[in-house]
Amino acid sequence: MKPFIREKKAFGFDDIPEDTCYEAGYLVTINAGWRSIRPVVNAAKCVGCSQCYLYCPDGVISIRDGKAVIDYDFCKGCGICEKICKPGAIEMEAERR
């Protein structure tokens, strides 16, 4: 049996969408306040690589003007964006009450 080999295609940053594909589809309620930490983007360190956007499980990160922007209304504070950020532009801080 011969394996199926897909045609290789080159992708660039222009092929990545700028925002999430859906307008708050299944995320219809604002965070209920149970988040204890939240990600904060240091715009001076952000290089706009889109890794945080691609790995965010909730789709709350968008890239605007070449920098990451987080929608705190729907962010759950999981910290995946901080772990994936190579330049160290995202840090987790205690939630303000």
C-alpha atoms as a PDB file:
ATOM      1  CA  MET A   1       0.000   0.000   0.000  1.00  0.00           C
ATOM      2  CA  LYS A   2       1.395   3.351  -1.027  1.00  0.00           C
ATOM      3  CA  PRO A   3       1.071   6.290   1.414  1.00  0.00           C
ATOM      4  CA  PHE A   4      -0.793   9.369   0.251  1.00  0.00           C
ATOM      5  CA  ILE A   5       1.610  12.289  -0.092  1.00  0.00           C
ATOM      6  CA  ARG A   6       0.197  15.780  -0.173  1.00  0.00           C
ATOM      7  CA  GLU A   7       1.592  18.466  -2.364  1.00  0.00           C
ATOM      8  CA  LYS A   8       3.900  20.779  -0.414  1.00  0.00           C
ATOM      9  CA  LYS A   9       2.786  24.390  -0.317  1.00  0.00           C
ATOM     10  CA  ALA A  10       4.644  27.365   1.052  1.00  0.00           C
ATOM     11  CA  PHE A  11       2.709  29.510   3.519  1.00  0.00           C
ATOM     12  CA  GLY A  12       3.610  32.965   4.758  1.00  0.00           C
ATOM     13  CA  PHE A  13       2.323  35.367   7.374  1.00  0.00           C
ATOM     14  CA  ASP A  14      -0.036  36.893   4.810  1.00  0.00           C
ATOM     15  CA  ASP A  15      -1.919  33.557   4.727  1.00  0.00           C
ATOM     16  CA  ILE A  16      -2.724  33.706   8.465  1.00  0.00           C
ATOM     17  CA  PRO A  17      -6.028  35.417   9.270  1.00  0.00           C
ATOM     18  CA  GLU A  18      -5.767  38.623  11.250  1.00  0.00           C
ATOM     19  CA  ASP A  19      -8.636  37.876  13.664  1.00  0.00           C
ATOM     20  CA  THR A  20     -10.600  34.874  14.779  1.00  0.00           C
ATOM     21  CA  CYS A  21     -12.834  33.220  12.205  1.00  0.00           C
ATOM     22  CA  TYR A  22     -16.038  33.557  14.195  1.00  0.00           C
ATOM     23  CA  GLU A  23     -17.674  36.343  16.125  1.00  0.00           C
ATOM     24  CA  ALA A  24     -17.870  34.862  19.647  1.00  0.00           C
ATOM     25  CA  GLY A  25     -19.646  31.741  18.373  1.00  0.00           C
ATOM     26  CA  TYR A  26     -19.651  29.425  21.353  1.00  0.00           C
ATOM     27  CA  LEU A  27     -18.167  32.066  23.627  1.00  0.00           C
ATOM     28  CA  VAL A  28     -21.371  33.904  24.296  1.00  0.00           C
ATOM     29  CA  THR A  29     -20.995  34.847  27.948  1.00  0.00           C
ATOM     30  CA  ILE A  30     -18.381  37.138  29.395  1.00  0.00           C
ATOM     31  CA  ASN A  31     -15.889  35.628  31.847  1.00  0.00           C
ATOM     32  CA  ALA A  32     -17.740  35.039  35.113  1.00  0.00           C
ATOM     33  CA  GLY A  33     -14.861  36.330  37.233  1.00  0.00           C
ATOM     34  CA  TRP A  34     -13.250  33.028  38.204  1.00  0.00           C
ATOM     35  CA  ARG A  35      -9.967  33.786  36.400  1.00  0.00           C
ATOM     36  CA  SER A  36      -7.167  34.355  38.957  1.00  0.00           C
ATOM     37  CA  ILE A  37      -4.356  35.334  36.567  1.00  0.00           C
ATOM     38  CA  ARG A  38      -4.426  37.031  33.193  1.00  0.00           C
ATOM     39  CA  PRO A  39      -1.952  37.518  30.338  1.00  0.00           C
ATOM     40  CA  VAL A  40      -0.545  40.982  29.718  1.00  0.00           C
ATOM     41  CA  VAL A  41       1.202  41.868  26.452  1.00  0.00           C
ATOM     42  CA  ASN A  42       4.322  44.044  26.532  1.00  0.00           C
ATOM     43  CA  ALA A  43       3.944  45.862  23.199  1.00  0.00           C
ATOM     44  CA  ALA A  44       7.623  46.835  23.149  1.00  0.00           C
ATOM     45  CA  LYS A  45       8.674  43.157  23.131  1.00  0.00           C
ATOM     46  CA  CYS A  46       5.906  41.832  20.853  1.00  0.00           C
ATOM     47  CA  VAL A  47       7.187  41.063  17.350  1.00  0.00           C
ATOM     48  CA  GLY A  48       3.783  40.065  15.913  1.00  0.00           C
ATOM     49  CA  CYS A  49       4.797  36.456  15.193  1.00  0.00           C
ATOM     50  CA  SER A  50       1.170  35.258  15.696  1.00  0.00           C
ATOM     51  CA  GLN A  51       2.154  32.197  17.742  1.00  0.00           C
ATOM     52  CA  CYS A  52      -0.034  33.240  20.675  1.00  0.00           C
ATOM     53  CA  TYR A  53      -2.923  33.776  18.246  1.00  0.00           C
ATOM     54  CA  LEU A  54      -2.472  30.330  16.721  1.00  0.00           C
ATOM     55  CA  TYR A  55      -2.171  28.464  20.048  1.00  0.00           C
ATOM     56  CA  CYS A  56      -4.877  30.252  22.058  1.00  0.00           C
ATOM     57  CA  PRO A  57      -7.549  27.594  22.755  1.00  0.00           C
ATOM     58  CA  ASP A  58     -10.277  30.209  23.239  1.00  0.00           C
ATOM     59  CA  GLY A  59      -9.441  32.365  20.212  1.00  0.00           C
ATOM     60  CA  VAL A  60      -9.300  35.574  22.242  1.00  0.00           C
ATOM     61  CA  ILE A  61      -6.014  36.890  20.833  1.00  0.00           C
ATOM     62  CA  SER A  62      -5.877  38.958  17.679  1.00  0.00           C
ATOM     63  CA  ILE A  63      -3.048  40.763  15.913  1.00  0.00           C
ATOM     64  CA  ARG A  64      -3.634  44.476  15.391  1.00  0.00           C
ATOM     65  CA  ASP A  65      -0.994  46.823  14.003  1.00  0.00           C
ATOM     66  CA  GLY A  66       1.561  44.007  14.256  1.00  0.00           C
ATOM     67  CA  LYS A  67       0.999  43.459  18.004  1.00  0.00           C
ATOM     68  CA  ALA A  68      -1.005  40.916  20.012  1.00  0.00           C
ATOM     69  CA  VAL A  69      -4.261  42.137  21.597  1.00  0.00           C
ATOM     70  CA  ILE A  70      -6.183  40.057  24.154  1.00  0.00           C
ATOM     71  CA  ASP A  71      -9.956  40.144  24.671  1.00  0.00           C
ATOM     72  CA  TYR A  72     -10.167  39.850  28.467  1.00  0.00           C
ATOM     73  CA  ASP A  73     -13.942  39.398  28.384  1.00  0.00           C
ATOM     74  CA  PHE A  74     -13.486  35.816  27.164  1.00  0.00           C
ATOM     75  CA  CYS A  75      -9.898  34.947  28.248  1.00  0.00           C
ATOM     76  CA  LYS A  76      -9.803  32.078  30.761  1.00  0.00           C
ATOM     77  CA  GLY A  77      -6.219  32.745  31.922  1.00  0.00           C
ATOM     78  CA  CYS A  78      -4.810  29.350  30.938  1.00  0.00           C
ATOM     79  CA  GLY A  79      -1.307  30.764  30.258  1.00  0.00           C
ATOM     80  CA  ILE A  80      -0.643  28.915  27.007  1.00  0.00           C
ATOM     81  CA  CYS A  81       0.107  32.221  25.280  1.00  0.00           C
ATOM     82  CA  GLU A  82       2.835  32.992  27.825  1.00  0.00           C
ATOM     83  CA  LYS A  83       4.426  29.556  27.370  1.00  0.00           C
ATOM     84  CA  ILE A  84       4.454  29.778  23.569  1.00  0.00           C
ATOM     85  CA  CYS A  85       5.742  33.390  23.355  1.00  0.00           C
ATOM     86  CA  LYS A  86       9.432  33.152  22.385  1.00  0.00           C
ATOM     87  CA  PRO A  87      10.278  36.880  22.804  1.00  0.00           C
ATOM     88  CA  GLY A  88       8.727  36.849  26.286  1.00  0.00           C
ATOM     89  CA  ALA A  89       6.244  39.593  25.418  1.00  0.00           C
ATOM     90  CA  ILE A  90       3.389  37.965  27.365  1.00  0.00           C
ATOM     91  CA  GLU A  91       3.491  37.651  31.133  1.00  0.00           C
ATOM     92  CA  MET A  92       0.829  36.429  33.536  1.00  0.00           C
ATOM     93  CA  GLU A  93      -0.199  38.776  36.340  1.00  0.00           C
ATOM     94  CA  ALA A  94      -2.662  38.508  39.200  1.00  0.00           C
ATOM     95  CA  GLU A  95      -6.207  39.407  38.280  1.00  0.00           C
ATOM     96  CA  ARG A  96      -7.396  42.792  39.502  1.00  0.00           C
ATOM     97  CA  ARG A  97     -10.571  42.640  41.577  1.00  0.00           C
END
